Amino acid sequence: MSDHKSITLSHNLRLWVMRFLIMKMAPRESLLLSSYIQEYVLRTKEPKKGGWDTLSIPELIDLMSEEMDELKEAYEDFRRDPTLDNGTHVFTEVADVQNYGMMIQDNMMGNPHGTRGADK
């Protein structure tokens, strides 16, 4: 894809997001709560792991897949032993998966070739 097409795609994605926001759709309560959990998990892990702007989309997809495996394990633990700690672990793993999805979207808006703010 040429630079011009990349810029156009990025611009079009941003326009789509802006149009969606302009529609003034109030987020669902469950979506709002989930986004707060995502933000909490992201802020607690970001100092250790850093940002995602230098990771390619394939790298983020691989990391998301690893998080899916962790989510499955956490849910199985919760099913065997439904404690508050195990439930919290499920919520944290769900947020990790969601955060990788957000990172993929963010990088695509910054650079549809894969990385945001980096030339690869």
PDB file of N, CA and C in Angstrom:
ATOM      1  N   MET A   1       0.852  -1.174   0.000  1.00  0.00           N
ATOM      2  CA  MET A   1       0.000   0.000   0.000  1.00  0.00           C
ATOM      3  C   MET A   1       0.900   1.240   0.000  1.00  0.00           C
ATOM      4  N   SER A   2       0.577   2.172  -0.864  1.00  0.00           N
ATOM      5  CA  SER A   2       1.390   3.388  -0.921  1.00  0.00           C
ATOM      6  C   SER A   2       1.111   4.266   0.291  1.00  0.00           C
ATOM      7  N   ASP A   3       2.005   5.231   0.516  1.00  0.00           N
ATOM      8  CA  ASP A   3       1.815   6.142   1.649  1.00  0.00           C
ATOM      9  C   ASP A   3       0.498   6.896   1.536  1.00  0.00           C
ATOM     10  N   HIS A   4       0.149   7.285   0.306  1.00  0.00           N
ATOM     11  CA  HIS A   4      -1.103   8.016   0.090  1.00  0.00           C
ATOM     12  C   HIS A   4      -2.297   7.162   0.512  1.00  0.00           C
ATOM     13  N   LYS A   5      -2.304   5.882   0.108  1.00  0.00           N
ATOM     14  CA  LYS A   5      -3.409   5.006   0.486  1.00  0.00           C
ATOM     15  C   LYS A   5      -3.431   4.779   1.993  1.00  0.00           C
ATOM     16  N   SER A   6      -2.268   4.681   2.626  1.00  0.00           N
ATOM     17  CA  SER A   6      -2.197   4.512   4.078  1.00  0.00           C
ATOM     18  C   SER A   6      -2.796   5.708   4.786  1.00  0.00           C
ATOM     19  N   ILE A   7      -2.442   6.887   4.319  1.00  0.00           N
ATOM     20  CA  ILE A   7      -2.956   8.109   4.931  1.00  0.00           C
ATOM     21  C   ILE A   7      -4.469   8.182   4.747  1.00  0.00           C
ATOM     22  N   THR A   8      -4.953   7.797   3.557  1.00  0.00           N
ATOM     23  CA  THR A   8      -6.388   7.824   3.287  1.00  0.00           C
ATOM     24  C   THR A   8      -7.129   6.845   4.189  1.00  0.00           C
ATOM     25  N   LEU A   9      -6.600   5.633   4.351  1.00  0.00           N
ATOM     26  CA  LEU A   9      -7.243   4.652   5.210  1.00  0.00           C
ATOM     27  C   LEU A   9      -7.279   5.150   6.648  1.00  0.00           C
ATOM     28  N   SER A  10      -6.163   5.659   7.127  1.00  0.00           N
ATOM     29  CA  SER A  10      -6.104   6.188   8.493  1.00  0.00           C
ATOM     30  C   SER A  10      -7.101   7.322   8.666  1.00  0.00           C
ATOM     31  N   HIS A  11      -7.151   8.218   7.706  1.00  0.00           N
ATOM     32  CA  HIS A  11      -8.075   9.344   7.743  1.00  0.00           C
ATOM     33  C   HIS A  11      -9.520   8.844   7.752  1.00  0.00           C
ATOM     34  N   ASN A  12      -9.817   7.844   6.908  1.00  0.00           N
ATOM     35  CA  ASN A  12     -11.178   7.306   6.842  1.00  0.00           C
ATOM     36  C   ASN A  12     -11.582   6.627   8.139  1.00  0.00           C
ATOM     37  N   LEU A  13     -10.664   5.911   8.780  1.00  0.00           N
ATOM     38  CA  LEU A  13     -10.971   5.283  10.064  1.00  0.00           C
ATOM     39  C   LEU A  13     -11.289   6.340  11.119  1.00  0.00           C
ATOM     40  N   ARG A  14     -10.485   7.397  11.136  1.00  0.00           N
ATOM     41  CA  ARG A  14     -10.732   8.468  12.102  1.00  0.00           C
ATOM     42  C   ARG A  14     -12.081   9.140  11.841  1.00  0.00           C
ATOM     43  N   LEU A  15     -12.418   9.351  10.575  1.00  0.00           N
ATOM     44  CA  LEU A  15     -13.713   9.948  10.244  1.00  0.00           C
ATOM     45  C   LEU A  15     -14.863   9.050  10.692  1.00  0.00           C
ATOM     46  N   TRP A  16     -14.710   7.751  10.495  1.00  0.00           N
ATOM     47  CA  TRP A  16     -15.751   6.815  10.907  1.00  0.00           C
ATOM     48  C   TRP A  16     -15.951   6.900  12.417  1.00  0.00           C
ATOM     49  N   VAL A  17     -14.864   6.913  13.173  1.00  0.00           N
ATOM     50  CA  VAL A  17     -14.953   7.008  14.632  1.00  0.00           C
ATOM     51  C   VAL A  17     -15.617   8.316  15.029  1.00  0.00           C
ATOM     52  N   MET A  18     -15.237   9.407  14.390  1.00  0.00           N
ATOM     53  CA  MET A  18     -15.838  10.703  14.715  1.00  0.00           C
ATOM     54  C   MET A  18     -17.338  10.697  14.415  1.00  0.00           C
ATOM     55  N   ARG A  19     -17.726  10.124  13.281  1.00  0.00           N
ATOM     56  CA  ARG A  19     -19.152  10.065  12.945  1.00  0.00           C
ATOM     57  C   ARG A  19     -19.912   9.264  13.989  1.00  0.00           C
ATOM     58  N   PHE A  20     -19.324   8.156  14.411  1.00  0.00           N
ATOM     59  CA  PHE A  20     -19.954   7.327  15.430  1.00  0.00           C
ATOM     60  C   PHE A  20     -20.152   8.116  16.716  1.00  0.00           C
ATOM     61  N   LEU A  21     -19.130   8.841  17.121  1.00  0.00           N
ATOM     62  CA  LEU A  21     -19.213   9.622  18.359  1.00  0.00           C
ATOM     63  C   LEU A  21     -20.230  10.744  18.242  1.00  0.00           C
ATOM     64  N   ILE A  22     -20.329  11.328  17.071  1.00  0.00           N
ATOM     65  CA  ILE A  22     -21.264  12.429  16.858  1.00  0.00           C
ATOM     66  C   ILE A  22     -22.708  11.944  16.978  1.00  0.00           C
ATOM     67  N   MET A  23     -22.924  10.674  16.719  1.00  0.00           N
ATOM     68  CA  MET A  23     -24.281  10.131  16.809  1.00  0.00           C
ATOM     69  C   MET A  23     -24.820  10.197  18.236  1.00  0.00           C
ATOM     70  N   LYS A  24     -23.955  10.522  19.190  1.00  0.00           N
ATOM     71  CA  LYS A  24     -24.341  10.708  20.594  1.00  0.00           C
ATOM     72  C   LYS A  24     -25.011   9.476  21.186  1.00  0.00           C
ATOM     73  N   MET A  25     -24.469   8.336  20.838  1.00  0.00           N
ATOM     74  CA  MET A  25     -24.994   7.106  21.423  1.00  0.00           C
ATOM     75  C   MET A  25     -24.390   6.939  22.814  1.00  0.00           C
ATOM     76  N   ALA A  26     -25.229   6.924  23.796  1.00  0.00           N
ATOM     77  CA  ALA A  26     -24.738   6.716  25.158  1.00  0.00           C
ATOM     78  C   ALA A  26     -24.279   5.269  25.287  1.00  0.00           C
ATOM     79  N   PRO A  27     -23.089   5.059  25.860  1.00  0.00           N
ATOM     80  CA  PRO A  27     -22.622   3.678  25.993  1.00  0.00           C
ATOM     81  C   PRO A  27     -23.474   2.900  26.991  1.00  0.00           C
ATOM     82  N   ARG A  28     -23.588   1.619  26.738  1.00  0.00           N
ATOM     83  CA  ARG A  28     -24.302   0.744  27.651  1.00  0.00           C
ATOM     84  C   ARG A  28     -23.558   0.683  28.973  1.00  0.00           C
ATOM     85  N   GLU A  29     -24.308   0.466  30.040  1.00  0.00           N
ATOM     86  CA  GLU A  29     -23.692   0.406  31.359  1.00  0.00           C
ATOM     87  C   GLU A  29     -22.623  -0.681  31.426  1.00  0.00           C
ATOM     88  N   SER A  30     -22.907  -1.847  30.831  1.00  0.00           N
ATOM     89  CA  SER A  30     -21.934  -2.939  30.866  1.00  0.00           C
ATOM     90  C   SER A  30     -20.674  -2.586  30.082  1.00  0.00           C
ATOM     91  N   LEU A  31     -20.821  -1.856  28.983  1.00  0.00           N
ATOM     92  CA  LEU A  31     -19.672  -1.429  28.193  1.00  0.00           C
ATOM     93  C   LEU A  31     -18.848  -0.397  28.952  1.00  0.00           C
ATOM     94  N   LEU A  32     -19.523   0.504  29.613  1.00  0.00           N
ATOM     95  CA  LEU A  32     -18.842   1.522  30.405  1.00  0.00           C
ATOM     96  C   LEU A  32     -18.053   0.885  31.559  1.00  0.00           C
ATOM     97  N   LEU A  33     -18.684  -0.032  32.269  1.00  0.00           N
ATOM     98  CA  LEU A  33     -18.002  -0.719  33.359  1.00  0.00           C
ATOM     99  C   LEU A  33     -16.803  -1.499  32.831  1.00  0.00           C
ATOM    100  N   SER A  34     -16.986  -2.181  31.724  1.00  0.00           N
ATOM    101  CA  SER A  34     -15.893  -2.954  31.126  1.00  0.00           C
ATOM    102  C   SER A  34     -14.731  -2.050  30.734  1.00  0.00           C
ATOM    103  N   SER A  35     -15.032  -0.873  30.201  1.00  0.00           N
ATOM    104  CA  SER A  35     -13.955   0.040  29.790  1.00  0.00           C
ATOM    105  C   SER A  35     -13.180   0.560  31.010  1.00  0.00           C
ATOM    106  N   TYR A  36     -13.864   0.750  32.134  1.00  0.00           N
ATOM    107  CA  TYR A  36     -13.163   1.169  33.351  1.00  0.00           C
ATOM    108  C   TYR A  36     -12.239   0.062  33.869  1.00  0.00           C
ATOM    109  N   ILE A  37     -12.714  -1.180  33.784  1.00  0.00           N
ATOM    110  CA  ILE A  37     -11.866  -2.307  34.191  1.00  0.00           C
ATOM    111  C   ILE A  37     -10.658  -2.396  33.255  1.00  0.00           C
ATOM    112  N   GLN A  38     -10.890  -2.234  31.945  1.00  0.00           N
ATOM    113  CA  GLN A  38      -9.788  -2.238  30.979  1.00  0.00           C
ATOM    114  C   GLN A  38      -8.750  -1.180  31.333  1.00  0.00           C
ATOM    115  N   GLU A  39      -9.210   0.023  31.610  1.00  0.00           N
ATOM    116  CA  GLU A  39      -8.294   1.123  31.918  1.00  0.00           C
ATOM    117  C   GLU A  39      -7.502   0.823  33.185  1.00  0.00           C
ATOM    118  N   TYR A  40      -8.161   0.291  34.199  1.00  0.00           N
ATOM    119  CA  TYR A  40      -7.470  -0.047  35.443  1.00  0.00           C
ATOM    120  C   TYR A  40      -6.372  -1.072  35.183  1.00  0.00           C
ATOM    121  N   VAL A  41      -6.713  -2.136  34.466  1.00  0.00           N
ATOM    122  CA  VAL A  41      -5.732  -3.192  34.175  1.00  0.00           C
ATOM    123  C   VAL A  41      -4.593  -2.637  33.328  1.00  0.00           C
ATOM    124  N   LEU A  42      -4.924  -1.817  32.340  1.00  0.00           N
ATOM    125  CA  LEU A  42      -3.899  -1.232  31.479  1.00  0.00           C
ATOM    126  C   LEU A  42      -2.937  -0.356  32.285  1.00  0.00           C
ATOM    127  N   ARG A  43      -3.471   0.461  33.167  1.00  0.00           N
ATOM    128  CA  ARG A  43      -2.615   1.350  33.967  1.00  0.00           C
ATOM    129  C   ARG A  43      -1.730   0.576  34.942  1.00  0.00           C
ATOM    130  N   THR A  44      -2.230  -0.537  35.453  1.00  0.00           N
ATOM    131  CA  THR A  44      -1.407  -1.304  36.387  1.00  0.00           C
ATOM    132  C   THR A  44      -0.302  -2.072  35.672  1.00  0.00           C
ATOM    133  N   LYS A  45      -0.510  -2.428  34.419  1.00  0.00           N
ATOM    134  CA  LYS A  45       0.491  -3.219  33.687  1.00  0.00           C
ATOM    135  C   LYS A  45       1.413  -2.382  32.819  1.00  0.00           C
ATOM    136  N   GLU A  46       0.967  -1.196  32.420  1.00  0.00           N
ATOM    137  CA  GLU A  46       1.745  -0.383  31.484  1.00  0.00           C
ATOM    138  C   GLU A  46       3.129  -0.002  32.004  1.00  0.00           C
ATOM    139  N   PRO A  47       3.280   0.347  33.288  1.00  0.00           N
ATOM    140  CA  PRO A  47       4.634   0.688  33.745  1.00  0.00           C
ATOM    141  C   PRO A  47       5.636  -0.458  33.567  1.00  0.00           C
ATOM    142  N   LYS A  48       5.157  -1.700  33.693  1.00  0.00           N
ATOM    143  CA  LYS A  48       6.036  -2.857  33.543  1.00  0.00           C
ATOM    144  C   LYS A  48       6.257  -3.219  32.080  1.00  0.00           C
ATOM    145  N   LYS A  49       5.196  -3.132  31.287  1.00  0.00           N
ATOM    146  CA  LYS A  49       5.261  -3.606  29.905  1.00  0.00           C
ATOM    147  C   LYS A  49       5.513  -2.502  28.886  1.00  0.00           C
ATOM    148  N   GLY A  50       5.244  -1.264  29.238  1.00  0.00           N
ATOM    149  CA  GLY A  50       5.403  -0.170  28.289  1.00  0.00           C
ATOM    150  C   GLY A  50       4.200  -0.053  27.370  1.00  0.00           C
ATOM    151  N   GLY A  51       4.341   0.790  26.357  1.00  0.00           N
ATOM    152  CA  GLY A  51       3.240   1.036  25.421  1.00  0.00           C
ATOM    153  C   GLY A  51       3.186  -0.007  24.327  1.00  0.00           C
ATOM    154  N   TRP A  52       2.276   0.191  23.400  1.00  0.00           N
ATOM    155  CA  TRP A  52       2.068  -0.752  22.313  1.00  0.00           C
ATOM    156  C   TRP A  52       2.380  -0.151  20.951  1.00  0.00           C
ATOM    157  N   ASP A  53       2.839   1.092  20.938  1.00  0.00           N
ATOM    158  CA  ASP A  53       3.021   1.784  19.664  1.00  0.00           C
ATOM    159  C   ASP A  53       4.154   1.212  18.804  1.00  0.00           C
ATOM    160  N   THR A  54       5.029   0.405  19.382  1.00  0.00           N
ATOM    161  CA  THR A  54       6.110  -0.175  18.576  1.00  0.00           C
ATOM    162  C   THR A  54       5.841  -1.631  18.216  1.00  0.00           C
ATOM    163  N   LEU A  55       4.705  -2.164  18.649  1.00  0.00           N
ATOM    164  CA  LEU A  55       4.360  -3.547  18.330  1.00  0.00           C
ATOM    165  C   LEU A  55       3.564  -3.602  17.034  1.00  0.00           C
ATOM    166  N   SER A  56       3.886  -4.571  16.200  1.00  0.00           N
ATOM    167  CA  SER A  56       3.143  -4.739  14.954  1.00  0.00           C
ATOM    168  C   SER A  56       1.789  -5.387  15.252  1.00  0.00           C
ATOM    169  N   ILE A  57       0.884  -5.277  14.326  1.00  0.00           N
ATOM    170  CA  ILE A  57      -0.436  -5.879  14.502  1.00  0.00           C
ATOM    171  C   ILE A  57      -0.324  -7.399  14.631  1.00  0.00           C
ATOM    172  N   PRO A  58       0.491  -8.087  13.813  1.00  0.00           N
ATOM    173  CA  PRO A  58       0.645  -9.534  14.034  1.00  0.00           C
ATOM    174  C   PRO A  58       1.183  -9.879  15.431  1.00  0.00           C
ATOM    175  N   GLU A  59       2.101  -9.067  15.954  1.00  0.00           N
ATOM    176  CA  GLU A  59       2.597  -9.291  17.314  1.00  0.00           C
ATOM    177  C   GLU A  59       1.471  -9.130  18.330  1.00  0.00           C
ATOM    178  N   LEU A  60       0.651  -8.100  18.154  1.00  0.00           N
ATOM    179  CA  LEU A  60      -0.466  -7.865  19.069  1.00  0.00           C
ATOM    180  C   LEU A  60      -1.482  -9.004  18.997  1.00  0.00           C
ATOM    181  N   ILE A  61      -1.729  -9.518  17.799  1.00  0.00           N
ATOM    182  CA  ILE A  61      -2.662 -10.645  17.647  1.00  0.00           C
ATOM    183  C   ILE A  61      -2.124 -11.879  18.363  1.00  0.00           C
ATOM    184  N   ASP A  62      -0.818 -12.130  18.237  1.00  0.00           N
ATOM    185  CA  ASP A  62      -0.219 -13.266  18.949  1.00  0.00           C
ATOM    186  C   ASP A  62      -0.347 -13.102  20.460  1.00  0.00           C
ATOM    187  N   LEU A  63      -0.087 -11.889  20.947  1.00  0.00           N
ATOM    188  CA  LEU A  63      -0.215 -11.632  22.381  1.00  0.00           C
ATOM    189  C   LEU A  63      -1.674 -11.783  22.837  1.00  0.00           C
ATOM    190  N   MET A  64      -2.598 -11.347  21.997  1.00  0.00           N
ATOM    191  CA  MET A  64      -4.019 -11.479  22.317  1.00  0.00           C
ATOM    192  C   MET A  64      -4.401 -12.963  22.402  1.00  0.00           C
ATOM    193  N   SER A  65      -3.848 -13.754  21.514  1.00  0.00           N
ATOM    194  CA  SER A  65      -4.110 -15.193  21.526  1.00  0.00           C
ATOM    195  C   SER A  65      -3.599 -15.835  22.814  1.00  0.00           C
ATOM    196  N   GLU A  66      -2.423 -15.409  23.263  1.00  0.00           N
ATOM    197  CA  GLU A  66      -1.887 -15.908  24.537  1.00  0.00           C
ATOM    198  C   GLU A  66      -2.811 -15.524  25.698  1.00  0.00           C
ATOM    199  N   GLU A  67      -3.338 -14.299  25.633  1.00  0.00           N
ATOM    200  CA  GLU A  67      -4.263 -13.859  26.681  1.00  0.00           C
ATOM    201  C   GLU A  67      -5.561 -14.665  26.652  1.00  0.00           C
ATOM    202  N   MET A  68      -6.004 -15.062  25.466  1.00  0.00           N
ATOM    203  CA  MET A  68      -7.206 -15.905  25.364  1.00  0.00           C
ATOM    204  C   MET A  68      -6.976 -17.231  26.085  1.00  0.00           C
ATOM    205  N   ASP A  69      -5.780 -17.805  25.899  1.00  0.00           N
ATOM    206  CA  ASP A  69      -5.459 -19.054  26.604  1.00  0.00           C
ATOM    207  C   ASP A  69      -5.490 -18.840  28.116  1.00  0.00           C
ATOM    208  N   GLU A  70      -4.931 -17.717  28.574  1.00  0.00           N
ATOM    209  CA  GLU A  70      -4.949 -17.396  30.005  1.00  0.00           C
ATOM    210  C   GLU A  70      -6.380 -17.206  30.507  1.00  0.00           C
ATOM    211  N   LEU A  71      -7.226 -16.589  29.679  1.00  0.00           N
ATOM    212  CA  LEU A  71      -8.627 -16.390  30.050  1.00  0.00           C
ATOM    213  C   LEU A  71      -9.331 -17.741  30.208  1.00  0.00           C
ATOM    214  N   LYS A  72      -9.087 -18.650  29.281  1.00  0.00           N
ATOM    215  CA  LYS A  72      -9.704 -19.979  29.376  1.00  0.00           C
ATOM    216  C   LYS A  72      -9.287 -20.680  30.669  1.00  0.00           C
ATOM    217  N   GLU A  73      -8.009 -20.611  30.991  1.00  0.00           N
ATOM    218  CA  GLU A  73      -7.521 -21.225  32.232  1.00  0.00           C
ATOM    219  C   GLU A  73      -8.155 -20.569  33.455  1.00  0.00           C
ATOM    220  N   ALA A  74      -8.213 -19.246  33.461  1.00  0.00           N
ATOM    221  CA  ALA A  74      -8.793 -18.523  34.597  1.00  0.00           C
ATOM    222  C   ALA A  74     -10.263 -18.895  34.773  1.00  0.00           C
ATOM    223  N   TYR A  75     -10.993 -19.019  33.668  1.00  0.00           N
ATOM    224  CA  TYR A  75     -12.407 -19.371  33.761  1.00  0.00           C
ATOM    225  C   TYR A  75     -12.590 -20.798  34.279  1.00  0.00           C
ATOM    226  N   GLU A  76     -11.743 -21.701  33.834  1.00  0.00           N
ATOM    227  CA  GLU A  76     -11.813 -23.080  34.339  1.00  0.00           C
ATOM    228  C   GLU A  76     -11.530 -23.116  35.841  1.00  0.00           C
ATOM    229  N   ASP A  77     -10.553 -22.325  36.284  1.00  0.00           N
ATOM    230  CA  ASP A  77     -10.271 -22.231  37.720  1.00  0.00           C
ATOM    231  C   ASP A  77     -11.500 -21.718  38.469  1.00  0.00           C
ATOM    232  N   PHE A  78     -12.166 -20.713  37.904  1.00  0.00           N
ATOM    233  CA  PHE A  78     -13.352 -20.147  38.533  1.00  0.00           C
ATOM    234  C   PHE A  78     -14.494 -21.166  38.585  1.00  0.00           C
ATOM    235  N   ARG A  79     -14.639 -21.940  37.519  1.00  0.00           N
ATOM    236  CA  ARG A  79     -15.703 -22.953  37.506  1.00  0.00           C
ATOM    237  C   ARG A  79     -15.468 -24.015  38.572  1.00  0.00           C
ATOM    238  N   ARG A  80     -14.192 -24.393  38.768  1.00  0.00           N
ATOM    239  CA  ARG A  80     -13.855 -25.391  39.786  1.00  0.00           C
ATOM    240  C   ARG A  80     -13.987 -24.825  41.204  1.00  0.00           C
ATOM    241  N   ASP A  81     -13.633 -23.532  41.335  1.00  0.00           N
ATOM    242  CA  ASP A  81     -13.604 -22.912  42.662  1.00  0.00           C
ATOM    243  C   ASP A  81     -14.048 -21.444  42.530  1.00  0.00           C
ATOM    244  N   PRO A  82     -15.379 -21.210  42.606  1.00  0.00           N
ATOM    245  CA  PRO A  82     -15.911 -19.862  42.343  1.00  0.00           C
ATOM    246  C   PRO A  82     -15.689 -18.874  43.499  1.00  0.00           C
ATOM    247  N   THR A  83     -14.431 -18.558  43.743  1.00  0.00           N
ATOM    248  CA  THR A  83     -14.097 -17.587  44.788  1.00  0.00           C
ATOM    249  C   THR A  83     -13.996 -16.190  44.186  1.00  0.00           C
ATOM    250  N   LEU A  84     -13.984 -15.192  45.050  1.00  0.00           N
ATOM    251  CA  LEU A  84     -13.830 -13.813  44.604  1.00  0.00           C
ATOM    252  C   LEU A  84     -12.497 -13.624  43.882  1.00  0.00           C
ATOM    253  N   ASP A  85     -11.428 -14.216  44.412  1.00  0.00           N
ATOM    254  CA  ASP A  85     -10.119 -14.095  43.762  1.00  0.00           C
ATOM    255  C   ASP A  85     -10.129 -14.688  42.357  1.00  0.00           C
ATOM    256  N   ASN A  86     -10.738 -15.855  42.205  1.00  0.00           N
ATOM    257  CA  ASN A  86     -10.792 -16.475  40.883  1.00  0.00           C
ATOM    258  C   ASN A  86     -11.682 -15.681  39.923  1.00  0.00           C
ATOM    259  N   GLY A  87     -12.770 -15.110  40.442  1.00  0.00           N
ATOM    260  CA  GLY A  87     -13.627 -14.269  39.597  1.00  0.00           C
ATOM    261  C   GLY A  87     -12.907 -13.009  39.154  1.00  0.00           C
ATOM    262  N   THR A  88     -12.168 -12.411  40.069  1.00  0.00           N
ATOM    263  CA  THR A  88     -11.383 -11.225  39.739  1.00  0.00           C
ATOM    264  C   THR A  88     -10.333 -11.544  38.688  1.00  0.00           C
ATOM    265  N   HIS A  89      -9.741 -12.719  38.793  1.00  0.00           N
ATOM    266  CA  HIS A  89      -8.746 -13.137  37.797  1.00  0.00           C
ATOM    267  C   HIS A  89      -9.384 -13.248  36.408  1.00  0.00           C
ATOM    268  N   VAL A  90     -10.606 -13.777  36.339  1.00  0.00           N
ATOM    269  CA  VAL A  90     -11.314 -13.850  35.050  1.00  0.00           C
ATOM    270  C   VAL A  90     -11.518 -12.444  34.490  1.00  0.00           C
ATOM    271  N   PHE A  91     -11.992 -11.517  35.329  1.00  0.00           N
ATOM    272  CA  PHE A  91     -12.223 -10.139  34.876  1.00  0.00           C
ATOM    273  C   PHE A  91     -10.937  -9.510  34.346  1.00  0.00           C
ATOM    274  N   THR A  92      -9.826  -9.772  35.031  1.00  0.00           N
ATOM    275  CA  THR A  92      -8.538  -9.215  34.605  1.00  0.00           C
ATOM    276  C   THR A  92      -8.120  -9.779  33.260  1.00  0.00           C
ATOM    277  N   GLU A  93      -8.310 -11.079  33.069  1.00  0.00           N
ATOM    278  CA  GLU A  93      -7.931 -11.689  31.784  1.00  0.00           C
ATOM    279  C   GLU A  93      -8.839 -11.211  30.651  1.00  0.00           C
ATOM    280  N   VAL A  94     -10.122 -11.016  30.945  1.00  0.00           N
ATOM    281  CA  VAL A  94     -11.031 -10.456  29.935  1.00  0.00           C
ATOM    282  C   VAL A  94     -10.541  -9.068  29.520  1.00  0.00           C
ATOM    283  N   ALA A  95     -10.174  -8.257  30.492  1.00  0.00           N
ATOM    284  CA  ALA A  95      -9.680  -6.908  30.199  1.00  0.00           C
ATOM    285  C   ALA A  95      -8.395  -6.966  29.378  1.00  0.00           C
ATOM    286  N   ASP A  96      -7.522  -7.924  29.661  1.00  0.00           N
ATOM    287  CA  ASP A  96      -6.296  -8.069  28.868  1.00  0.00           C
ATOM    288  C   ASP A  96      -6.623  -8.344  27.399  1.00  0.00           C
ATOM    289  N   VAL A  97      -7.560  -9.254  27.154  1.00  0.00           N
ATOM    290  CA  VAL A  97      -7.962  -9.574  25.777  1.00  0.00           C
ATOM    291  C   VAL A  97      -8.545  -8.330  25.113  1.00  0.00           C
ATOM    292  N   GLN A  98      -9.441  -7.642  25.817  1.00  0.00           N
ATOM    293  CA  GLN A  98     -10.056  -6.434  25.271  1.00  0.00           C
ATOM    294  C   GLN A  98      -9.006  -5.365  24.983  1.00  0.00           C
ATOM    295  N   ASN A  99      -8.041  -5.232  25.862  1.00  0.00           N
ATOM    296  CA  ASN A  99      -7.010  -4.216  25.670  1.00  0.00           C
ATOM    297  C   ASN A  99      -6.171  -4.502  24.424  1.00  0.00           C
ATOM    298  N   TYR A 100      -5.875  -5.771  24.161  1.00  0.00           N
ATOM    299  CA  TYR A 100      -5.134  -6.064  22.927  1.00  0.00           C
ATOM    300  C   TYR A 100      -5.972  -5.720  21.700  1.00  0.00           C
ATOM    301  N   GLY A 101      -7.283  -5.928  21.773  1.00  0.00           N
ATOM    302  CA  GLY A 101      -8.145  -5.505  20.670  1.00  0.00           C
ATOM    303  C   GLY A 101      -8.098  -3.998  20.470  1.00  0.00           C
ATOM    304  N   MET A 102      -8.117  -3.257  21.581  1.00  0.00           N
ATOM    305  CA  MET A 102      -8.021  -1.795  21.508  1.00  0.00           C
ATOM    306  C   MET A 102      -6.687  -1.378  20.914  1.00  0.00           C
ATOM    307  N   MET A 103      -5.608  -2.060  21.306  1.00  0.00           N
ATOM    308  CA  MET A 103      -4.281  -1.717  20.789  1.00  0.00           C
ATOM    309  C   MET A 103      -4.201  -1.943  19.281  1.00  0.00           C
ATOM    310  N   ILE A 104      -4.817  -3.018  18.818  1.00  0.00           N
ATOM    311  CA  ILE A 104      -4.852  -3.294  17.378  1.00  0.00           C
ATOM    312  C   ILE A 104      -5.591  -2.175  16.660  1.00  0.00           C
ATOM    313  N   GLN A 105      -6.739  -1.781  17.184  1.00  0.00           N
ATOM    314  CA  GLN A 105      -7.496  -0.682  16.573  1.00  0.00           C
ATOM    315  C   GLN A 105      -6.691   0.616  16.591  1.00  0.00           C
ATOM    316  N   ASP A 106      -6.055   0.902  17.704  1.00  0.00           N
ATOM    317  CA  ASP A 106      -5.282   2.134  17.835  1.00  0.00           C
ATOM    318  C   ASP A 106      -4.129   2.158  16.839  1.00  0.00           C
ATOM    319  N   ASN A 107      -3.415   1.043  16.728  1.00  0.00           N
ATOM    320  CA  ASN A 107      -2.300   0.997  15.781  1.00  0.00           C
ATOM    321  C   ASN A 107      -2.793   1.104  14.342  1.00  0.00           C
ATOM    322  N   MET A 108      -3.932   0.503  14.032  1.00  0.00           N
ATOM    323  CA  MET A 108      -4.462   0.599  12.670  1.00  0.00           C
ATOM    324  C   MET A 108      -4.848   2.030  12.323  1.00  0.00           C
ATOM    325  N   MET A 109      -5.340   2.768  13.298  1.00  0.00           N
ATOM    326  CA  MET A 109      -5.692   4.161  13.023  1.00  0.00           C
ATOM    327  C   MET A 109      -4.451   5.007  12.842  1.00  0.00           C
ATOM    328  N   GLY A 110      -3.358   4.642  13.524  1.00  0.00           N
ATOM    329  CA  GLY A 110      -2.120   5.393  13.399  1.00  0.00           C
ATOM    330  C   GLY A 110      -1.326   5.000  12.172  1.00  0.00           C
ATOM    331  N   ASN A 111      -1.357   3.716  11.815  1.00  0.00           N
ATOM    332  CA  ASN A 111      -0.619   3.217  10.666  1.00  0.00           C
ATOM    333  C   ASN A 111      -1.197   1.872  10.272  1.00  0.00           C
ATOM    334  N   PRO A 112      -1.945   1.810   9.188  1.00  0.00           N
ATOM    335  CA  PRO A 112      -2.601   0.558   8.796  1.00  0.00           C
ATOM    336  C   PRO A 112      -1.624  -0.562   8.425  1.00  0.00           C
ATOM    337  N   HIS A 113      -0.314  -0.259   8.315  1.00  0.00           N
ATOM    338  CA  HIS A 113       0.656  -1.306   8.024  1.00  0.00           C
ATOM    339  C   HIS A 113       1.027  -2.087   9.266  1.00  0.00           C
ATOM    340  N   GLY A 114       0.748  -1.615  10.438  1.00  0.00           N
ATOM    341  CA  GLY A 114       1.047  -2.414  11.601  1.00  0.00           C
ATOM    342  C   GLY A 114       1.468  -1.657  12.825  1.00  0.00           C
ATOM    343  N   THR A 115       2.449  -0.777  12.739  1.00  0.00           N
ATOM    344  CA  THR A 115       2.910  -0.132  13.952  1.00  0.00           C
ATOM    345  C   THR A 115       2.499   1.321  13.952  1.00  0.00           C
ATOM    346  N   ARG A 116       2.346   1.852  15.134  1.00  0.00           N
ATOM    347  CA  ARG A 116       1.955   3.246  15.294  1.00  0.00           C
ATOM    348  C   ARG A 116       3.192   4.021  15.703  1.00  0.00           C
ATOM    349  N   GLY A 117       3.550   5.003  14.930  1.00  0.00           N
ATOM    350  CA  GLY A 117       4.679   5.844  15.272  1.00  0.00           C
ATOM    351  C   GLY A 117       6.027   5.232  14.962  1.00  0.00           C
ATOM    352  N   ALA A 118       6.029   4.116  14.266  1.00  0.00           N
ATOM    353  CA  ALA A 118       7.294   3.478  13.890  1.00  0.00           C
ATOM    354  C   ALA A 118       7.232   3.065  12.430  1.00  0.00           C
ATOM    355  N   ASP A 119       8.327   3.180  11.740  1.00  0.00           N
ATOM    356  CA  ASP A 119       8.382   2.767  10.331  1.00  0.00           C
ATOM    357  C   ASP A 119       8.886   1.333  10.257  1.00  0.00           C
ATOM    358  N   LYS A 120       8.036   0.452   9.796  1.00  0.00           N
ATOM    359  CA  LYS A 120       8.412  -0.958   9.588  1.00  0.00           C
ATOM    360  C   LYS A 120       7.971  -1.388   8.229  1.00  0.00           C
TER     361      LYS A 120
END
